[in-house]
PDB file of N, CA and C in Angstrom:
ATOM      1  N   UNK A   1     127.343  47.468 -75.804  1.00  0.00           N
ATOM      2  CA  UNK A   1     127.142  46.137 -75.264  1.00  0.00           C
ATOM      3  C   UNK A   1     125.692  45.697 -75.446  1.00  0.00           C
ATOM      4  N   UNK A   2     124.734  46.530 -75.086  1.00  0.00           N
ATOM      5  CA  UNK A   2     123.327  46.186 -75.240  1.00  0.00           C
ATOM      6  C   UNK A   2     122.938  46.082 -76.706  1.00  0.00           C
ATOM      7  N   UNK A   3     123.571  46.892 -77.562  1.00  0.00           N
ATOM      8  CA  UNK A   3     123.289  46.824 -78.995  1.00  0.00           C
ATOM      9  C   UNK A   3     123.728  45.476 -79.556  1.00  0.00           C
ATOM     10  N   UNK A   4     124.890  45.010 -79.120  1.00  0.00           N
ATOM     11  CA  UNK A   4     125.375  43.701 -79.569  1.00  0.00           C
ATOM     12  C   UNK A   4     124.449  42.580 -79.131  1.00  0.00           C
ATOM     13  N   UNK A   5     123.958  42.661 -77.903  1.00  0.00           N
ATOM     14  CA  UNK A   5     123.038  41.636 -77.398  1.00  0.00           C
ATOM     15  C   UNK A   5     121.715  41.679 -78.161  1.00  0.00           C
ATOM     16  N   UNK A   6     121.227  42.883 -78.460  1.00  0.00           N
ATOM     17  CA  UNK A   6     119.978  43.024 -79.220  1.00  0.00           C
ATOM     18  C   UNK A   6     120.145  42.478 -80.630  1.00  0.00           C
ATOM     19  N   UNK A   7     121.298  42.745 -81.254  1.00  0.00           N
ATOM     20  CA  UNK A   7     121.553  42.217 -82.602  1.00  0.00           C
ATOM     21  C   UNK A   7     121.644  40.692 -82.582  1.00  0.00           C
ATOM     22  N   UNK A   8     122.273  40.157 -81.546  1.00  0.00           N
ATOM     23  CA  UNK A   8     122.376  38.693 -81.434  1.00  0.00           C
ATOM     24  C   UNK A   8     120.995  38.073 -81.270  1.00  0.00           C
ATOM     25  N   UNK A   9     120.139  38.688 -80.450  1.00  0.00           N
ATOM     26  CA  UNK A   9     118.773  38.180 -80.280  1.00  0.00           C
ATOM     27  C   UNK A   9     117.968  38.284 -81.565  1.00  0.00           C
ATOM     28  N   UNK A  10     118.131  39.405 -82.307  1.00  0.00           N
ATOM     29  CA  UNK A  10     117.413  39.575 -83.573  1.00  0.00           C
ATOM     30  C   UNK A  10     117.868  38.528 -84.592  1.00  0.00           C
ATOM     31  N   UNK A  11     119.173  38.282 -84.657  1.00  0.00           N
ATOM     32  CA  UNK A  11     119.695  37.263 -85.573  1.00  0.00           C
ATOM     33  C   UNK A  11     119.187  35.880 -85.190  1.00  0.00           C
ATOM     34  N   UNK A  12     119.152  35.599 -83.887  1.00  0.00           N
ATOM     35  CA  UNK A  12     118.634  34.304 -83.430  1.00  0.00           C
ATOM     36  C   UNK A  12     117.180  34.133 -83.837  1.00  0.00           C
ATOM     37  N   UNK A  13     116.398  35.190 -83.700  1.00  0.00           N
ATOM     38  CA  UNK A  13     114.980  35.117 -84.080  1.00  0.00           C
ATOM     39  C   UNK A  13     114.824  34.846 -85.568  1.00  0.00           C
ATOM     40  N   UNK A  14     115.630  35.480 -86.389  1.00  0.00           N
ATOM     41  CA  UNK A  14     115.548  35.255 -87.837  1.00  0.00           C
ATOM     42  C   UNK A  14     115.989  33.854 -88.225  1.00  0.00           C
ATOM     43  N   UNK A  15     117.010  33.346 -87.549  1.00  0.00           N
ATOM     44  CA  UNK A  15     117.522  32.016 -87.882  1.00  0.00           C
ATOM     45  C   UNK A  15     116.532  30.925 -87.479  1.00  0.00           C
ATOM     46  N   UNK A  16     115.916  31.071 -86.318  1.00  0.00           N
ATOM     47  CA  UNK A  16     115.024  30.006 -85.846  1.00  0.00           C
ATOM     48  C   UNK A  16     113.595  30.165 -86.345  1.00  0.00           C
ATOM     49  N   UNK A  17     113.293  31.244 -87.038  1.00  0.00           N
ATOM     50  CA  UNK A  17     111.925  31.471 -87.506  1.00  0.00           C
ATOM     51  C   UNK A  17     111.383  30.328 -88.369  1.00  0.00           C
ATOM     52  N   UNK A  18     112.135  29.808 -89.357  1.00  0.00           N
ATOM     53  CA  UNK A  18     111.576  28.685 -90.150  1.00  0.00           C
ATOM     54  C   UNK A  18     111.278  27.450 -89.304  1.00  0.00           C
ATOM     55  N   UNK A  19     112.183  27.100 -88.370  1.00  0.00           N
ATOM     56  CA  UNK A  19     111.936  25.943 -87.499  1.00  0.00           C
ATOM     57  C   UNK A  19     110.723  26.173 -86.625  1.00  0.00           C
ATOM     58  N   UNK A  20     110.579  27.398 -86.111  1.00  0.00           N
ATOM     59  CA  UNK A  20     109.446  27.719 -85.257  1.00  0.00           C
ATOM     60  C   UNK A  20     108.138  27.642 -86.036  1.00  0.00           C
ATOM     61  N   UNK A  21     108.120  28.145 -87.253  1.00  0.00           N
ATOM     62  CA  UNK A  21     106.899  28.111 -88.056  1.00  0.00           C
ATOM     63  C   UNK A  21     106.480  26.676 -88.376  1.00  0.00           C
ATOM     64  N   UNK A  22     107.449  25.820 -88.640  1.00  0.00           N
ATOM     65  CA  UNK A  22     107.140  24.405 -88.897  1.00  0.00           C
ATOM     66  C   UNK A  22     106.550  23.769 -87.635  1.00  0.00           C
ATOM     67  N   UNK A  23     107.151  24.057 -86.478  1.00  0.00           N
ATOM     68  CA  UNK A  23     106.627  23.506 -85.226  1.00  0.00           C
ATOM     69  C   UNK A  23     105.225  24.038 -84.935  1.00  0.00           C
ATOM     70  N   UNK A  24     104.993  25.330 -85.186  1.00  0.00           N
ATOM     71  CA  UNK A  24     103.665  25.915 -84.953  1.00  0.00           C
ATOM     72  C   UNK A  24     102.636  25.290 -85.892  1.00  0.00           C
ATOM     73  N   UNK A  25     103.025  25.051 -87.129  1.00  0.00           N
ATOM     74  CA  UNK A  25     102.114  24.413 -88.077  1.00  0.00           C
ATOM     75  C   UNK A  25     101.769  22.996 -87.634  1.00  0.00           C
ATOM     76  N   UNK A  26     102.770  22.268 -87.119  1.00  0.00           N
ATOM     77  CA  UNK A  26     102.506  20.906 -86.643  1.00  0.00           C
ATOM     78  C   UNK A  26     101.568  20.924 -85.436  1.00  0.00           C
ATOM     79  N   UNK A  27     101.741  21.890 -84.530  1.00  0.00           N
ATOM     80  CA  UNK A  27     100.826  21.997 -83.394  1.00  0.00           C
ATOM     81  C   UNK A  27      99.408  22.308 -83.866  1.00  0.00           C
ATOM     82  N   UNK A  28      99.295  23.182 -84.857  1.00  0.00           N
ATOM     83  CA  UNK A  28      97.980  23.516 -85.400  1.00  0.00           C
ATOM     84  C   UNK A  28      97.326  22.291 -86.035  1.00  0.00           C
ATOM     85  N   UNK A  29      98.128  21.522 -86.781  1.00  0.00           N
ATOM     86  CA  UNK A  29      97.583  20.310 -87.407  1.00  0.00           C
ATOM     87  C   UNK A  29      97.118  19.305 -86.355  1.00  0.00           C
ATOM     88  N   UNK A  30      97.894  19.151 -85.284  1.00  0.00           N
ATOM     89  CA  UNK A  30      97.478  18.226 -84.231  1.00  0.00           C
ATOM     90  C   UNK A  30      96.192  18.693 -83.572  1.00  0.00           C
ATOM     91  N   UNK A  31      96.075  19.997 -83.338  1.00  0.00           N
ATOM     92  CA  UNK A  31      94.832  20.524 -82.781  1.00  0.00           C
ATOM     93  C   UNK A  31      93.676  20.342 -83.745  1.00  0.00           C
ATOM     94  N   UNK A  32      93.930  20.531 -85.020  1.00  0.00           N
ATOM     95  CA  UNK A  32      92.879  20.369 -86.015  1.00  0.00           C
ATOM     96  C   UNK A  32      92.385  18.938 -86.030  1.00  0.00           C
ATOM     97  N   UNK A  33      93.318  17.988 -85.922  1.00  0.00           N
ATOM     98  CA  UNK A  33      92.918  16.582 -85.894  1.00  0.00           C
ATOM     99  C   UNK A  33      92.080  16.291 -84.658  1.00  0.00           C
ATOM    100  N   UNK A  34      92.439  16.896 -83.520  1.00  0.00           N
ATOM    101  CA  UNK A  34      91.650  16.694 -82.298  1.00  0.00           C
ATOM    102  C   UNK A  34      90.252  17.278 -82.456  1.00  0.00           C
ATOM    103  N   UNK A  35      90.157  18.470 -83.045  1.00  0.00           N
ATOM    104  CA  UNK A  35      88.859  19.096 -83.252  1.00  0.00           C
ATOM    105  C   UNK A  35      88.030  18.251 -84.209  1.00  0.00           C
ATOM    106  N   UNK A  36      88.656  17.811 -85.277  1.00  0.00           N
ATOM    107  CA  UNK A  36      87.946  16.987 -86.252  1.00  0.00           C
ATOM    108  C   UNK A  36      87.467  15.688 -85.614  1.00  0.00           C
ATOM    109  N   UNK A  37      88.304  15.089 -84.761  1.00  0.00           N
ATOM    110  CA  UNK A  37      87.914  13.841 -84.104  1.00  0.00           C
ATOM    111  C   UNK A  37      86.736  14.089 -83.165  1.00  0.00           C
ATOM    112  N   UNK A  38      86.727  15.227 -82.467  1.00  0.00           N
ATOM    113  CA  UNK A  38      85.633  15.540 -81.560  1.00  0.00           C
ATOM    114  C   UNK A  38      84.333  15.729 -82.338  1.00  0.00           C
ATOM    115  N   UNK A  39      84.412  16.436 -83.490  1.00  0.00           N
ATOM    116  CA  UNK A  39      83.208  16.649 -84.300  1.00  0.00           C
ATOM    117  C   UNK A  39      82.683  15.321 -84.825  1.00  0.00           C
ATOM    118  N   UNK A  40      83.603  14.486 -85.311  1.00  0.00           N
ATOM    119  CA  UNK A  40      83.176  13.176 -85.811  1.00  0.00           C
ATOM    120  C   UNK A  40      82.606  12.315 -84.693  1.00  0.00           C
ATOM    121  N   UNK A  41      83.167  12.424 -83.490  1.00  0.00           N
ATOM    122  CA  UNK A  41      82.658  11.667 -82.355  1.00  0.00           C
ATOM    123  C   UNK A  41      81.220  12.075 -82.037  1.00  0.00           C
ATOM    124  N   UNK A  42      80.961  13.410 -82.042  1.00  0.00           N
ATOM    125  CA  UNK A  42      79.605  13.876 -81.749  1.00  0.00           C
ATOM    126  C   UNK A  42      78.628  13.463 -82.848  1.00  0.00           C
ATOM    127  N   UNK A  43      79.053  13.496 -84.088  1.00  0.00           N
ATOM    128  CA  UNK A  43      78.172  13.066 -85.170  1.00  0.00           C
ATOM    129  C   UNK A  43      77.865  11.579 -85.063  1.00  0.00           C
ATOM    130  N   UNK A  44      78.898  10.814 -84.739  1.00  0.00           N
ATOM    131  CA  UNK A  44      78.705   9.371 -84.630  1.00  0.00           C
ATOM    132  C   UNK A  44      77.849   9.028 -83.417  1.00  0.00           C
ATOM    133  N   UNK A  45      78.027   9.760 -82.307  1.00  0.00           N
ATOM    134  CA  UNK A  45      77.256   9.440 -81.107  1.00  0.00           C
ATOM    135  C   UNK A  45      75.779   9.780 -81.294  1.00  0.00           C
ATOM    136  N   UNK A  46      75.473  10.753 -82.146  1.00  0.00           N
ATOM    137  CA  UNK A  46      74.068  11.059 -82.423  1.00  0.00           C
ATOM    138  C   UNK A  46      73.428   9.957 -83.259  1.00  0.00           C
ATOM    139  N   UNK A  47      74.217   9.337 -84.137  1.00  0.00           N
ATOM    140  CA  UNK A  47      73.690   8.302 -85.011  1.00  0.00           C
ATOM    141  C   UNK A  47      73.526   6.972 -84.289  1.00  0.00           C
ATOM    142  N   UNK A  48      74.500   6.601 -83.497  1.00  0.00           N
ATOM    143  CA  UNK A  48      74.445   5.314 -82.801  1.00  0.00           C
ATOM    144  C   UNK A  48      74.888   5.508 -81.353  1.00  0.00           C
ATOM    145  N   UNK A  49      74.260   4.852 -80.451  1.00  0.00           N
ATOM    146  CA  UNK A  49      74.503   5.014 -79.017  1.00  0.00           C
ATOM    147  C   UNK A  49      75.265   3.815 -78.474  1.00  0.00           C
ATOM    148  N   UNK A  50      76.467   3.559 -78.985  1.00  0.00           N
ATOM    149  CA  UNK A  50      77.272   2.451 -78.491  1.00  0.00           C
ATOM    150  C   UNK A  50      78.362   2.976 -77.575  1.00  0.00           C
ATOM    151  N   UNK A  51      78.677   2.208 -76.547  1.00  0.00           N
ATOM    152  CA  UNK A  51      79.778   2.578 -75.658  1.00  0.00           C
ATOM    153  C   UNK A  51      81.097   2.203 -76.324  1.00  0.00           C
ATOM    154  N   UNK A  52      82.039   3.101 -76.198  1.00  0.00           N
ATOM    155  CA  UNK A  52      83.347   2.884 -76.806  1.00  0.00           C
ATOM    156  C   UNK A  52      84.306   2.389 -75.734  1.00  0.00           C
ATOM    157  N   UNK A  53      85.156   1.440 -76.066  1.00  0.00           N
ATOM    158  CA  UNK A  53      86.119   0.910 -75.120  1.00  0.00           C
ATOM    159  C   UNK A  53      87.512   1.032 -75.710  1.00  0.00           C
ATOM    160  N   UNK A  54      88.409   1.836 -75.219  1.00  0.00           N
ATOM    161  CA  UNK A  54      88.264   2.798 -74.126  1.00  0.00           C
ATOM    162  C   UNK A  54      87.506   4.034 -74.598  1.00  0.00           C
ATOM    163  N   UNK A  55      86.915   4.765 -73.679  1.00  0.00           N
ATOM    164  CA  UNK A  55      86.141   5.944 -74.082  1.00  0.00           C
ATOM    165  C   UNK A  55      87.040   7.034 -74.645  1.00  0.00           C
ATOM    166  N   UNK A  56      86.501   7.783 -75.561  1.00  0.00           N
ATOM    167  CA  UNK A  56      87.225   8.872 -76.200  1.00  0.00           C
ATOM    168  C   UNK A  56      87.199  10.089 -75.289  1.00  0.00           C
ATOM    169  N   UNK A  57      88.364  10.576 -74.891  1.00  0.00           N
ATOM    170  CA  UNK A  57      88.461  11.725 -73.981  1.00  0.00           C
ATOM    171  C   UNK A  57      89.126  12.890 -74.706  1.00  0.00           C
ATOM    172  N   UNK A  58      88.388  13.941 -74.953  1.00  0.00           N
ATOM    173  CA  UNK A  58      88.908  15.140 -75.603  1.00  0.00           C
ATOM    174  C   UNK A  58      88.540  16.327 -74.741  1.00  0.00           C
ATOM    175  N   UNK A  59      89.528  17.141 -74.403  1.00  0.00           N
ATOM    176  CA  UNK A  59      89.298  18.285 -73.532  1.00  0.00           C
ATOM    177  C   UNK A  59      89.603  19.572 -74.286  1.00  0.00           C
ATOM    178  N   UNK A  60      88.777  20.601 -74.081  1.00  0.00           N
ATOM    179  CA  UNK A  60      89.035  21.894 -74.698  1.00  0.00           C
ATOM    180  C   UNK A  60      90.170  22.638 -74.013  1.00  0.00           C
ATOM    181  N   UNK A  61      90.468  22.284 -72.765  1.00  0.00           N
ATOM    182  CA  UNK A  61      91.512  23.000 -72.042  1.00  0.00           C
ATOM    183  C   UNK A  61      92.914  22.522 -72.396  1.00  0.00           C
ATOM    184  N   UNK A  62      93.053  21.417 -73.081  1.00  0.00           N
ATOM    185  CA  UNK A  62      94.380  20.894 -73.414  1.00  0.00           C
ATOM    186  C   UNK A  62      94.700  21.097 -74.893  1.00  0.00           C
ATOM    187  N   UNK A  63      94.602  22.327 -75.326  1.00  0.00           N
ATOM    188  CA  UNK A  63      94.918  22.652 -76.719  1.00  0.00           C
ATOM    189  C   UNK A  63      96.427  22.754 -76.904  1.00  0.00           C
ATOM    190  N   UNK A  64      96.920  22.290 -78.019  1.00  0.00           N
ATOM    191  CA  UNK A  64      98.343  22.385 -78.295  1.00  0.00           C
ATOM    192  C   UNK A  64      98.701  23.699 -78.974  1.00  0.00           C
ATOM    193  N   UNK A  65      97.817  24.234 -79.759  1.00  0.00           N
ATOM    194  CA  UNK A  65      98.080  25.462 -80.502  1.00  0.00           C
ATOM    195  C   UNK A  65      97.521  26.635 -79.712  1.00  0.00           C
ATOM    196  N   UNK A  66      98.217  26.998 -78.647  1.00  0.00           N
ATOM    197  CA  UNK A  66      97.813  28.134 -77.825  1.00  0.00           C
ATOM    198  C   UNK A  66      98.971  29.126 -77.764  1.00  0.00           C
ATOM    199  N   UNK A  67      98.686  30.318 -77.292  1.00  0.00           N
ATOM    200  CA  UNK A  67      99.716  31.352 -77.202  1.00  0.00           C
ATOM    201  C   UNK A  67     100.834  30.897 -76.257  1.00  0.00           C
ATOM    202  N   UNK A  68     100.482  30.281 -75.141  1.00  0.00           N
ATOM    203  CA  UNK A  68     101.486  29.831 -74.170  1.00  0.00           C
ATOM    204  C   UNK A  68     102.376  28.736 -74.764  1.00  0.00           C
ATOM    205  N   UNK A  69     101.787  27.794 -75.484  1.00  0.00           N
ATOM    206  CA  UNK A  69     102.603  26.728 -76.065  1.00  0.00           C
ATOM    207  C   UNK A  69     103.502  27.260 -77.169  1.00  0.00           C
ATOM    208  N   UNK A  70     103.018  28.229 -77.950  1.00  0.00           N
ATOM    209  CA  UNK A  70     103.864  28.822 -78.989  1.00  0.00           C
ATOM    210  C   UNK A  70     105.035  29.590 -78.377  1.00  0.00           C
ATOM    211  N   UNK A  71     104.788  30.301 -77.271  1.00  0.00           N
ATOM    212  CA  UNK A  71     105.880  31.004 -76.597  1.00  0.00           C
ATOM    213  C   UNK A  71     106.913  30.013 -76.071  1.00  0.00           C
ATOM    214  N   UNK A  72     106.452  28.904 -75.510  1.00  0.00           N
ATOM    215  CA  UNK A  72     107.372  27.900 -74.978  1.00  0.00           C
ATOM    216  C   UNK A  72     108.195  27.250 -76.089  1.00  0.00           C
ATOM    217  N   UNK A  73     107.568  26.957 -77.208  1.00  0.00           N
ATOM    218  CA  UNK A  73     108.289  26.363 -78.346  1.00  0.00           C
ATOM    219  C   UNK A  73     109.329  27.340 -78.881  1.00  0.00           C
ATOM    220  N   UNK A  74     108.951  28.608 -79.032  1.00  0.00           N
ATOM    221  CA  UNK A  74     109.893  29.614 -79.534  1.00  0.00           C
ATOM    222  C   UNK A  74     111.065  29.774 -78.573  1.00  0.00           C
ATOM    223  N   UNK A  75     110.790  29.826 -77.280  1.00  0.00           N
ATOM    224  CA  UNK A  75     111.852  29.975 -76.285  1.00  0.00           C
ATOM    225  C   UNK A  75     112.792  28.762 -76.326  1.00  0.00           C
ATOM    226  N   UNK A  76     112.240  27.575 -76.473  1.00  0.00           N
ATOM    227  CA  UNK A  76     113.068  26.374 -76.570  1.00  0.00           C
ATOM    228  C   UNK A  76     113.967  26.377 -77.790  1.00  0.00           C
ATOM    229  N   UNK A  77     113.425  26.787 -78.934  1.00  0.00           N
ATOM    230  CA  UNK A  77     114.236  26.876 -80.150  1.00  0.00           C
ATOM    231  C   UNK A  77     115.338  27.912 -79.985  1.00  0.00           C
ATOM    232  N   UNK A  78     115.008  29.041 -79.352  1.00  0.00           N
ATOM    233  CA  UNK A  78     116.001  30.105 -79.154  1.00  0.00           C
ATOM    234  C   UNK A  78     117.108  29.649 -78.214  1.00  0.00           C
ATOM    235  N   UNK A  79     116.759  28.984 -77.118  1.00  0.00           N
ATOM    236  CA  UNK A  79     117.781  28.471 -76.201  1.00  0.00           C
ATOM    237  C   UNK A  79     118.673  27.441 -76.884  1.00  0.00           C
ATOM    238  N   UNK A  80     118.083  26.592 -77.706  1.00  0.00           N
ATOM    239  CA  UNK A  80     118.859  25.571 -78.407  1.00  0.00           C
ATOM    240  C   UNK A  80     119.849  26.205 -79.374  1.00  0.00           C
ATOM    241  N   UNK A  81     119.441  27.261 -80.074  1.00  0.00           N
ATOM    242  CA  UNK A  81     120.311  27.895 -81.049  1.00  0.00           C
ATOM    243  C   UNK A  81     121.418  28.705 -80.374  1.00  0.00           C
ATOM    244  N   UNK A  82     121.144  29.310 -79.223  1.00  0.00           N
ATOM    245  CA  UNK A  82     122.112  30.205 -78.592  1.00  0.00           C
ATOM    246  C   UNK A  82     123.033  29.511 -77.586  1.00  0.00           C
ATOM    247  N   UNK A  83     122.894  28.226 -77.374  1.00  0.00           N
ATOM    248  CA  UNK A  83     123.763  27.567 -76.400  1.00  0.00           C
ATOM    249  C   UNK A  83     125.196  27.528 -76.922  1.00  0.00           C
ATOM    250  N   UNK A  84     126.128  27.587 -75.991  1.00  0.00           N
ATOM    251  CA  UNK A  84     127.530  27.639 -76.392  1.00  0.00           C
ATOM    252  C   UNK A  84     128.146  26.254 -76.510  1.00  0.00           C
ATOM    253  N   UNK A  85     127.585  25.259 -75.858  1.00  0.00           N
ATOM    254  CA  UNK A  85     128.107  23.894 -75.945  1.00  0.00           C
ATOM    255  C   UNK A  85     127.422  23.166 -77.097  1.00  0.00           C
ATOM    256  N   UNK A  86     128.222  22.594 -77.967  1.00  0.00           N
ATOM    257  CA  UNK A  86     127.704  21.855 -79.120  1.00  0.00           C
ATOM    258  C   UNK A  86     128.322  20.464 -79.147  1.00  0.00           C
ATOM    259  N   UNK A  87     127.537  19.501 -79.563  1.00  0.00           N
ATOM    260  CA  UNK A  87     127.998  18.122 -79.654  1.00  0.00           C
ATOM    261  C   UNK A  87     129.111  18.021 -80.695  1.00  0.00           C
ATOM    262  N   UNK A  88     130.227  17.423 -80.320  1.00  0.00           N
ATOM    263  CA  UNK A  88     131.340  17.236 -81.243  1.00  0.00           C
ATOM    264  C   UNK A  88     132.316  18.401 -81.283  1.00  0.00           C
ATOM    265  N   UNK A  89     132.067  19.469 -80.554  1.00  0.00           N
ATOM    266  CA  UNK A  89     132.967  20.625 -80.495  1.00  0.00           C
ATOM    267  C   UNK A  89     133.639  20.683 -79.125  1.00  0.00           C
ATOM    268  N   UNK A  90     134.626  21.564 -79.008  1.00  0.00           N
ATOM    269  CA  UNK A  90     135.287  21.761 -77.718  1.00  0.00           C
ATOM    270  C   UNK A  90     134.304  22.348 -76.714  1.00  0.00           C
ATOM    271  N   UNK A  91     134.480  21.990 -75.464  1.00  0.00           N
ATOM    272  CA  UNK A  91     133.634  22.521 -74.400  1.00  0.00           C
ATOM    273  C   UNK A  91     133.956  24.000 -74.185  1.00  0.00           C
ATOM    274  N   UNK A  92     132.970  24.810 -73.844  1.00  0.00           N
ATOM    275  CA  UNK A  92     133.237  26.229 -73.594  1.00  0.00           C
ATOM    276  C   UNK A  92     134.031  26.429 -72.300  1.00  0.00           C
ATOM    277  N   UNK A  93     134.857  27.457 -72.281  1.00  0.00           N
ATOM    278  CA  UNK A  93     135.647  27.795 -71.105  1.00  0.00           C
ATOM    279  C   UNK A  93     134.834  28.769 -70.253  1.00  0.00           C
ATOM    280  N   UNK A  94     133.904  28.242 -69.495  1.00  0.00           N
ATOM    281  CA  UNK A  94     132.955  29.050 -68.743  1.00  0.00           C
ATOM    282  C   UNK A  94     133.603  29.692 -67.519  1.00  0.00           C
ATOM    283  N   UNK A  95     133.001  30.787 -67.069  1.00  0.00           N
ATOM    284  CA  UNK A  95     133.447  31.453 -65.849  1.00  0.00           C
ATOM    285  C   UNK A  95     132.861  30.746 -64.642  1.00  0.00           C
ATOM    286  N   UNK A  96     133.679  30.584 -63.606  1.00  0.00           N
ATOM    287  CA  UNK A  96     133.249  29.947 -62.362  1.00  0.00           C
ATOM    288  C   UNK A  96     133.720  30.795 -61.185  1.00  0.00           C
ATOM    289  N   UNK A  97     133.099  30.602 -60.042  1.00  0.00           N
ATOM    290  CA  UNK A  97     133.505  31.282 -58.812  1.00  0.00           C
ATOM    291  C   UNK A  97     133.903  30.211 -57.813  1.00  0.00           C
ATOM    292  N   UNK A  98     135.196  30.092 -57.506  1.00  0.00           N
ATOM    293  CA  UNK A  98     135.627  29.085 -56.528  1.00  0.00           C
ATOM    294  C   UNK A  98     135.127  29.428 -55.125  1.00  0.00           C
ATOM    295  N   UNK A  99     134.951  28.408 -54.298  1.00  0.00           N
ATOM    296  CA  UNK A  99     134.476  28.635 -52.941  1.00  0.00           C
ATOM    297  C   UNK A  99     135.523  29.354 -52.087  1.00  0.00           C
ATOM    298  N   UNK A 100     136.815  29.135 -52.351  1.00  0.00           N
ATOM    299  CA  UNK A 100     137.871  29.706 -51.523  1.00  0.00           C
ATOM    300  C   UNK A 100     138.030  31.212 -51.729  1.00  0.00           C
ATOM    301  N   UNK A 101     137.751  31.695 -52.918  1.00  0.00           N
ATOM    302  CA  UNK A 101     137.925  33.121 -53.210  1.00  0.00           C
ATOM    303  C   UNK A 101     136.753  33.606 -54.060  1.00  0.00           C
ATOM    304  N   UNK A 102     136.254  34.810 -53.822  1.00  0.00           N
ATOM    305  CA  UNK A 102     135.087  35.290 -54.573  1.00  0.00           C
ATOM    306  C   UNK A 102     135.416  35.840 -55.964  1.00  0.00           C
ATOM    307  N   UNK A 103     136.642  35.695 -56.415  1.00  0.00           N
ATOM    308  CA  UNK A 103     137.059  36.207 -57.722  1.00  0.00           C
ATOM    309  C   UNK A 103     136.678  35.214 -58.826  1.00  0.00           C
ATOM    310  N   UNK A 104     136.112  35.724 -59.916  1.00  0.00           N
ATOM    311  CA  UNK A 104     135.743  34.854 -61.044  1.00  0.00           C
ATOM    312  C   UNK A 104     136.988  34.378 -61.774  1.00  0.00           C
ATOM    313  N   UNK A 105     136.962  33.099 -62.136  1.00  0.00           N
ATOM    314  CA  UNK A 105     138.035  32.512 -62.943  1.00  0.00           C
ATOM    315  C   UNK A 105     137.411  31.672 -64.031  1.00  0.00           C
ATOM    316  N   UNK A 106     138.191  31.177 -64.930  1.00  0.00           N
ATOM    317  CA  UNK A 106     137.743  30.303 -66.006  1.00  0.00           C
ATOM    318  C   UNK A 106     138.028  28.849 -65.637  1.00  0.00           C
ATOM    319  N   UNK A 107     137.249  27.939 -66.177  1.00  0.00           N
ATOM    320  CA  UNK A 107     137.391  26.517 -65.863  1.00  0.00           C
ATOM    321  C   UNK A 107     138.798  26.030 -66.204  1.00  0.00           C
ATOM    322  N   UNK A 108     139.309  26.424 -67.356  1.00  0.00           N
ATOM    323  CA  UNK A 108     140.628  25.934 -67.779  1.00  0.00           C
ATOM    324  C   UNK A 108     141.772  26.536 -66.980  1.00  0.00           C
ATOM    325  N   UNK A 109     141.507  27.544 -66.121  1.00  0.00           N
ATOM    326  CA  UNK A 109     142.553  28.064 -65.236  1.00  0.00           C
ATOM    327  C   UNK A 109     142.956  27.020 -64.198  1.00  0.00           C
ATOM    328  N   UNK A 110     142.095  26.049 -63.926  1.00  0.00           N
ATOM    329  CA  UNK A 110     142.372  25.012 -62.937  1.00  0.00           C
ATOM    330  C   UNK A 110     143.058  23.790 -63.543  1.00  0.00           C
ATOM    331  N   UNK A 111     143.213  23.752 -64.858  1.00  0.00           N
ATOM    332  CA  UNK A 111     143.838  22.606 -65.525  1.00  0.00           C
ATOM    333  C   UNK A 111     145.351  22.647 -65.335  1.00  0.00           C
ATOM    334  N   UNK A 112     145.940  21.487 -65.109  1.00  0.00           N
ATOM    335  CA  UNK A 112     147.389  21.344 -64.967  1.00  0.00           C
ATOM    336  C   UNK A 112     147.852  20.253 -65.925  1.00  0.00           C
ATOM    337  N   UNK A 113     149.103  20.369 -66.332  1.00  0.00           N
ATOM    338  CA  UNK A 113     149.656  19.379 -67.259  1.00  0.00           C
ATOM    339  C   UNK A 113     149.734  18.013 -66.582  1.00  0.00           C
ATOM    340  N   UNK A 114     149.518  16.977 -67.344  1.00  0.00           N
ATOM    341  CA  UNK A 114     149.600  15.589 -66.887  1.00  0.00           C
ATOM    342  C   UNK A 114     148.616  15.263 -65.765  1.00  0.00           C
ATOM    343  N   UNK A 115     147.529  16.041 -65.632  1.00  0.00           N
ATOM    344  CA  UNK A 115     146.536  15.771 -64.594  1.00  0.00           C
ATOM    345  C   UNK A 115     145.150  16.046 -65.168  1.00  0.00           C
ATOM    346  N   UNK A 116     144.245  15.077 -65.050  1.00  0.00           N
ATOM    347  CA  UNK A 116     142.902  15.332 -65.595  1.00  0.00           C
ATOM    348  C   UNK A 116     142.142  16.354 -64.740  1.00  0.00           C
ATOM    349  N   UNK A 117     141.317  17.125 -65.388  1.00  0.00           N
ATOM    350  CA  UNK A 117     140.469  18.111 -64.709  1.00  0.00           C
ATOM    351  C   UNK A 117     139.103  17.504 -64.491  1.00  0.00           C
ATOM    352  N   UNK A 118     138.670  17.409 -63.238  1.00  0.00           N
ATOM    353  CA  UNK A 118     137.381  16.819 -62.893  1.00  0.00           C
ATOM    354  C   UNK A 118     136.495  17.923 -62.332  1.00  0.00           C
ATOM    355  N   UNK A 119     135.305  18.085 -62.908  1.00  0.00           N
ATOM    356  CA  UNK A 119     134.331  19.044 -62.418  1.00  0.00           C
ATOM    357  C   UNK A 119     133.201  18.287 -61.759  1.00  0.00           C
ATOM    358  N   UNK A 120     132.870  18.657 -60.524  1.00  0.00           N
ATOM    359  CA  UNK A 120     131.811  17.998 -59.784  1.00  0.00           C
ATOM    360  C   UNK A 120     130.718  19.040 -59.538  1.00  0.00           C
ATOM    361  N   UNK A 121     129.567  18.850 -60.165  1.00  0.00           N
ATOM    362  CA  UNK A 121     128.438  19.760 -60.006  1.00  0.00           C
ATOM    363  C   UNK A 121     127.366  19.173 -59.102  1.00  0.00           C
ATOM    364  N   UNK A 122     127.706  18.125 -58.392  1.00  0.00           N
ATOM    365  CA  UNK A 122     126.731  17.447 -57.551  1.00  0.00           C
ATOM    366  C   UNK A 122     126.622  18.074 -56.179  1.00  0.00           C
ATOM    367  N   UNK A 123     125.870  17.415 -55.318  1.00  0.00           N
ATOM    368  CA  UNK A 123     125.710  17.883 -53.941  1.00  0.00           C
ATOM    369  C   UNK A 123     126.044  16.740 -52.999  1.00  0.00           C
ATOM    370  N   UNK A 124     126.364  17.101 -51.787  1.00  0.00           N
ATOM    371  CA  UNK A 124     126.643  16.086 -50.757  1.00  0.00           C
ATOM    372  C   UNK A 124     125.401  15.928 -49.906  1.00  0.00           C
ATOM    373  N   UNK A 125     124.722  14.844 -50.075  1.00  0.00           N
ATOM    374  CA  UNK A 125     123.502  14.637 -49.285  1.00  0.00           C
ATOM    375  C   UNK A 125     123.533  13.298 -48.598  1.00  0.00           C
TER     376      UNK A 125
END
C-alpha cells in the first residue's frame, strides 16, 4: 500500500516537473525585473532628485523567487494534478460518514431511482 502511494507521488512529481519549472522561471524573471527596476531607480535618483508620483515602492522582503514560494507553487501543482474531480468528467464516488451511523458509506449509496440526490455541505447559522 505504501509502495503504491510512493509510486503515485513519484509519478506526480515527474508529470508536474515541466509545469513547475516554467512557473519557477517566471517567478525568477519577475524578481529579476524588480531587482533591475530597483537598480535603475537608484541610478536615476543619484542623477536627478525629482519626486515620483506615485512613489516607487520595492521591498527586499517580498521576493517572489524564494524557497517558500517555490514549495507553495510545487504543492499547488501537485494538488491540481492529483485531484479526483475533473471538469467534464463524472463526479467521484467519495466516502462519507452519515450522522446517524458511524459506518462509512459512499455518496451514491444514498441515490434512489426517480429522485435527485442533494448534498448539503453548508452549516446552520
